[in-house]
């Protein structure tokens, strides 16, 4: 899966179709993504010392990666990502405009 945490994606199906949002987490083993503000559910919390009031907590649940497209900032359109091999390193590439989106398999922090 070429989509990473922090990328902007556009939802292609479901109740949130057309929504552009940031990816919060990626589960590549199951092919799922948690996208900010998409697929929100309520978690009912019982009263306790930690939560004296209790109530409902709204949180995002994972959606399938096939239901989103990467949003390219260079061309301003949602598109698929491809891989280009240049100078011995793999780079993520927008399929519509060909702009580079960073390396494959490398973390951004390191």
C-alpha atoms as a PDB file:
ATOM      1  CA  UNK A   1       0.000   0.000   0.000  1.00  0.00           C
ATOM      2  CA  UNK A   2       1.474   3.331  -1.081  1.00  0.00           C
ATOM      3  CA  UNK A   3      -0.736   5.618   1.035  1.00  0.00           C
ATOM      4  CA  UNK A   4       0.926   6.746   4.268  1.00  0.00           C
ATOM      5  CA  UNK A   5      -0.066   8.439   7.505  1.00  0.00           C
ATOM      6  CA  UNK A   6      -0.410  12.185   6.936  1.00  0.00           C
ATOM      7  CA  UNK A   7      -1.366  11.947   3.244  1.00  0.00           C
ATOM      8  CA  UNK A   8      -4.486  13.713   2.011  1.00  0.00           C
ATOM      9  CA  UNK A   9      -7.036  11.368   0.436  1.00  0.00           C
ATOM     10  CA  UNK A  10     -10.466  11.714  -1.143  1.00  0.00           C
ATOM     11  CA  UNK A  11     -13.176   9.208  -0.206  1.00  0.00           C
ATOM     12  CA  UNK A  12     -14.722   7.582  -3.296  1.00  0.00           C
ATOM     13  CA  UNK A  13     -17.591   5.563  -1.787  1.00  0.00           C
ATOM     14  CA  UNK A  14     -19.870   5.420   1.228  1.00  0.00           C
ATOM     15  CA  UNK A  15     -21.622   8.125   3.236  1.00  0.00           C
ATOM     16  CA  UNK A  16     -18.570  10.405   3.159  1.00  0.00           C
ATOM     17  CA  UNK A  17     -18.087  10.284  -0.615  1.00  0.00           C
ATOM     18  CA  UNK A  18     -16.196  13.323  -1.915  1.00  0.00           C
ATOM     19  CA  UNK A  19     -14.662  14.177   1.464  1.00  0.00           C
ATOM     20  CA  UNK A  20     -10.992  15.197   1.464  1.00  0.00           C
ATOM     21  CA  UNK A  21      -9.195  14.486   4.710  1.00  0.00           C
ATOM     22  CA  UNK A  22      -5.902  13.449   6.299  1.00  0.00           C
ATOM     23  CA  UNK A  23      -4.962   9.815   6.981  1.00  0.00           C
ATOM     24  CA  UNK A  24      -4.515   9.259  10.736  1.00  0.00           C
ATOM     25  CA  UNK A  25      -3.258   5.649  10.648  1.00  0.00           C
ATOM     26  CA  UNK A  26      -2.605   2.828   8.189  1.00  0.00           C
ATOM     27  CA  UNK A  27      -3.064  -0.923   8.733  1.00  0.00           C
ATOM     28  CA  UNK A  28      -1.351  -2.371   5.668  1.00  0.00           C
ATOM     29  CA  UNK A  29      -1.790  -6.003   6.796  1.00  0.00           C
ATOM     30  CA  UNK A  30      -5.595  -5.672   6.587  1.00  0.00           C
ATOM     31  CA  UNK A  31      -5.699  -2.945   3.907  1.00  0.00           C
ATOM     32  CA  UNK A  32      -7.492  -0.445   6.175  1.00  0.00           C
ATOM     33  CA  UNK A  33      -7.083   3.292   6.828  1.00  0.00           C
ATOM     34  CA  UNK A  34      -8.369   5.603   9.545  1.00  0.00           C
ATOM     35  CA  UNK A  35      -9.280   8.916   7.908  1.00  0.00           C
ATOM     36  CA  UNK A  36      -9.975  12.086   9.900  1.00  0.00           C
ATOM     37  CA  UNK A  37     -13.729  12.736  10.224  1.00  0.00           C
ATOM     38  CA  UNK A  38     -14.788   9.732   8.108  1.00  0.00           C
ATOM     39  CA  UNK A  39     -16.764   6.671   9.345  1.00  0.00           C
ATOM     40  CA  UNK A  40     -17.446   8.156  12.792  1.00  0.00           C
ATOM     41  CA  UNK A  41     -19.191   5.968  15.373  1.00  0.00           C
ATOM     42  CA  UNK A  42     -20.289   6.518  18.966  1.00  0.00           C
ATOM     43  CA  UNK A  43     -18.627   4.610  21.793  1.00  0.00           C
ATOM     44  CA  UNK A  44     -20.807   4.562  24.908  1.00  0.00           C
ATOM     45  CA  UNK A  45     -18.780   5.064  28.076  1.00  0.00           C
ATOM     46  CA  UNK A  46     -20.004   4.035  31.515  1.00  0.00           C
ATOM     47  CA  UNK A  47     -19.498   6.414  34.432  1.00  0.00           C
ATOM     48  CA  UNK A  48     -16.253   5.868  36.331  1.00  0.00           C
ATOM     49  CA  UNK A  49     -13.717   7.850  38.310  1.00  0.00           C
ATOM     50  CA  UNK A  50     -11.843   8.594  35.104  1.00  0.00           C
ATOM     51  CA  UNK A  51     -15.046   9.693  33.306  1.00  0.00           C
ATOM     52  CA  UNK A  52     -17.412  10.902  36.068  1.00  0.00           C
ATOM     53  CA  UNK A  53     -20.068  12.021  33.594  1.00  0.00           C
ATOM     54  CA  UNK A  54     -19.969   9.066  31.185  1.00  0.00           C
ATOM     55  CA  UNK A  55     -21.733   9.511  27.859  1.00  0.00           C
ATOM     56  CA  UNK A  56     -20.936   9.011  24.198  1.00  0.00           C
ATOM     57  CA  UNK A  57     -17.483   9.368  22.668  1.00  0.00           C
ATOM     58  CA  UNK A  58     -17.322   9.894  18.891  1.00  0.00           C
ATOM     59  CA  UNK A  59     -14.369   8.242  17.136  1.00  0.00           C
ATOM     60  CA  UNK A  60     -13.237   7.287  13.633  1.00  0.00           C
ATOM     61  CA  UNK A  61     -13.248   3.642  12.551  1.00  0.00           C
ATOM     62  CA  UNK A  62     -11.137   2.110   9.758  1.00  0.00           C
ATOM     63  CA  UNK A  63     -12.299   2.052   6.142  1.00  0.00           C
ATOM     64  CA  UNK A  64     -10.987  -0.061   3.287  1.00  0.00           C
ATOM     65  CA  UNK A  65      -8.075   1.408   1.342  1.00  0.00           C
ATOM     66  CA  UNK A  66      -9.838   0.643  -1.943  1.00  0.00           C
ATOM     67  CA  UNK A  67     -12.478   3.265  -1.095  1.00  0.00           C
ATOM     68  CA  UNK A  68     -10.038   6.207  -1.150  1.00  0.00           C
ATOM     69  CA  UNK A  69      -7.770   7.875  -3.706  1.00  0.00           C
ATOM     70  CA  UNK A  70      -4.614   9.860  -2.983  1.00  0.00           C
ATOM     71  CA  UNK A  71      -5.186  13.602  -3.475  1.00  0.00           C
ATOM     72  CA  UNK A  72      -2.274  15.127  -5.410  1.00  0.00           C
ATOM     73  CA  UNK A  73      -1.551  18.720  -4.421  1.00  0.00           C
ATOM     74  CA  UNK A  74       0.442  19.353  -7.611  1.00  0.00           C
ATOM     75  CA  UNK A  75      -2.391  18.649 -10.071  1.00  0.00           C
ATOM     76  CA  UNK A  76      -5.259  19.221  -7.606  1.00  0.00           C
ATOM     77  CA  UNK A  77      -7.017  15.959  -8.453  1.00  0.00           C
ATOM     78  CA  UNK A  78      -7.462  12.573  -6.794  1.00  0.00           C
ATOM     79  CA  UNK A  79      -5.345   9.918  -8.509  1.00  0.00           C
ATOM     80  CA  UNK A  80      -3.700   6.579  -8.010  1.00  0.00           C
ATOM     81  CA  UNK A  81      -0.079   6.304  -6.967  1.00  0.00           C
ATOM     82  CA  UNK A  82       2.574   4.445  -8.918  1.00  0.00           C
ATOM     83  CA  UNK A  83       6.213   3.581  -8.290  1.00  0.00           C
ATOM     84  CA  UNK A  84       9.133   4.979 -10.273  1.00  0.00           C
ATOM     85  CA  UNK A  85      12.680   3.673  -9.984  1.00  0.00           C
ATOM     86  CA  UNK A  86      15.188   6.517 -10.229  1.00  0.00           C
ATOM     87  CA  UNK A  87      18.791   6.649  -9.005  1.00  0.00           C
ATOM     88  CA  UNK A  88      18.440   3.270  -7.311  1.00  0.00           C
ATOM     89  CA  UNK A  89      15.545   4.343  -5.078  1.00  0.00           C
ATOM     90  CA  UNK A  90      11.811   3.796  -5.433  1.00  0.00           C
ATOM     91  CA  UNK A  91       9.646   6.928  -5.440  1.00  0.00           C
ATOM     92  CA  UNK A  92       5.874   7.328  -5.178  1.00  0.00           C
ATOM     93  CA  UNK A  93       4.535   9.060  -8.298  1.00  0.00           C
ATOM     94  CA  UNK A  94       1.143  10.589  -9.129  1.00  0.00           C
ATOM     95  CA  UNK A  95      -0.365   8.702 -12.082  1.00  0.00           C
ATOM     96  CA  UNK A  96      -2.044  11.819 -13.529  1.00  0.00           C
ATOM     97  CA  UNK A  97       0.710  14.455 -13.456  1.00  0.00           C
ATOM     98  CA  UNK A  98       3.853  12.415 -12.687  1.00  0.00           C
ATOM     99  CA  UNK A  99       4.935  14.477  -9.661  1.00  0.00           C
ATOM    100  CA  UNK A 100       7.031  12.714  -6.997  1.00  0.00           C
ATOM    101  CA  UNK A 101       5.411  12.153  -3.592  1.00  0.00           C
ATOM    102  CA  UNK A 102       8.363  10.802  -1.572  1.00  0.00           C
ATOM    103  CA  UNK A 103      10.204   7.497  -1.251  1.00  0.00           C
ATOM    104  CA  UNK A 104       8.620   4.065  -0.880  1.00  0.00           C
ATOM    105  CA  UNK A 105       9.292   2.105   2.312  1.00  0.00           C
ATOM    106  CA  UNK A 106      10.952   4.928   4.202  1.00  0.00           C
ATOM    107  CA  UNK A 107       9.494   6.674   7.224  1.00  0.00           C
ATOM    108  CA  UNK A 108       9.185  10.452   7.047  1.00  0.00           C
ATOM    109  CA  UNK A 109      10.447  11.029  10.578  1.00  0.00           C
ATOM    110  CA  UNK A 110      13.752   9.199  10.061  1.00  0.00           C
END
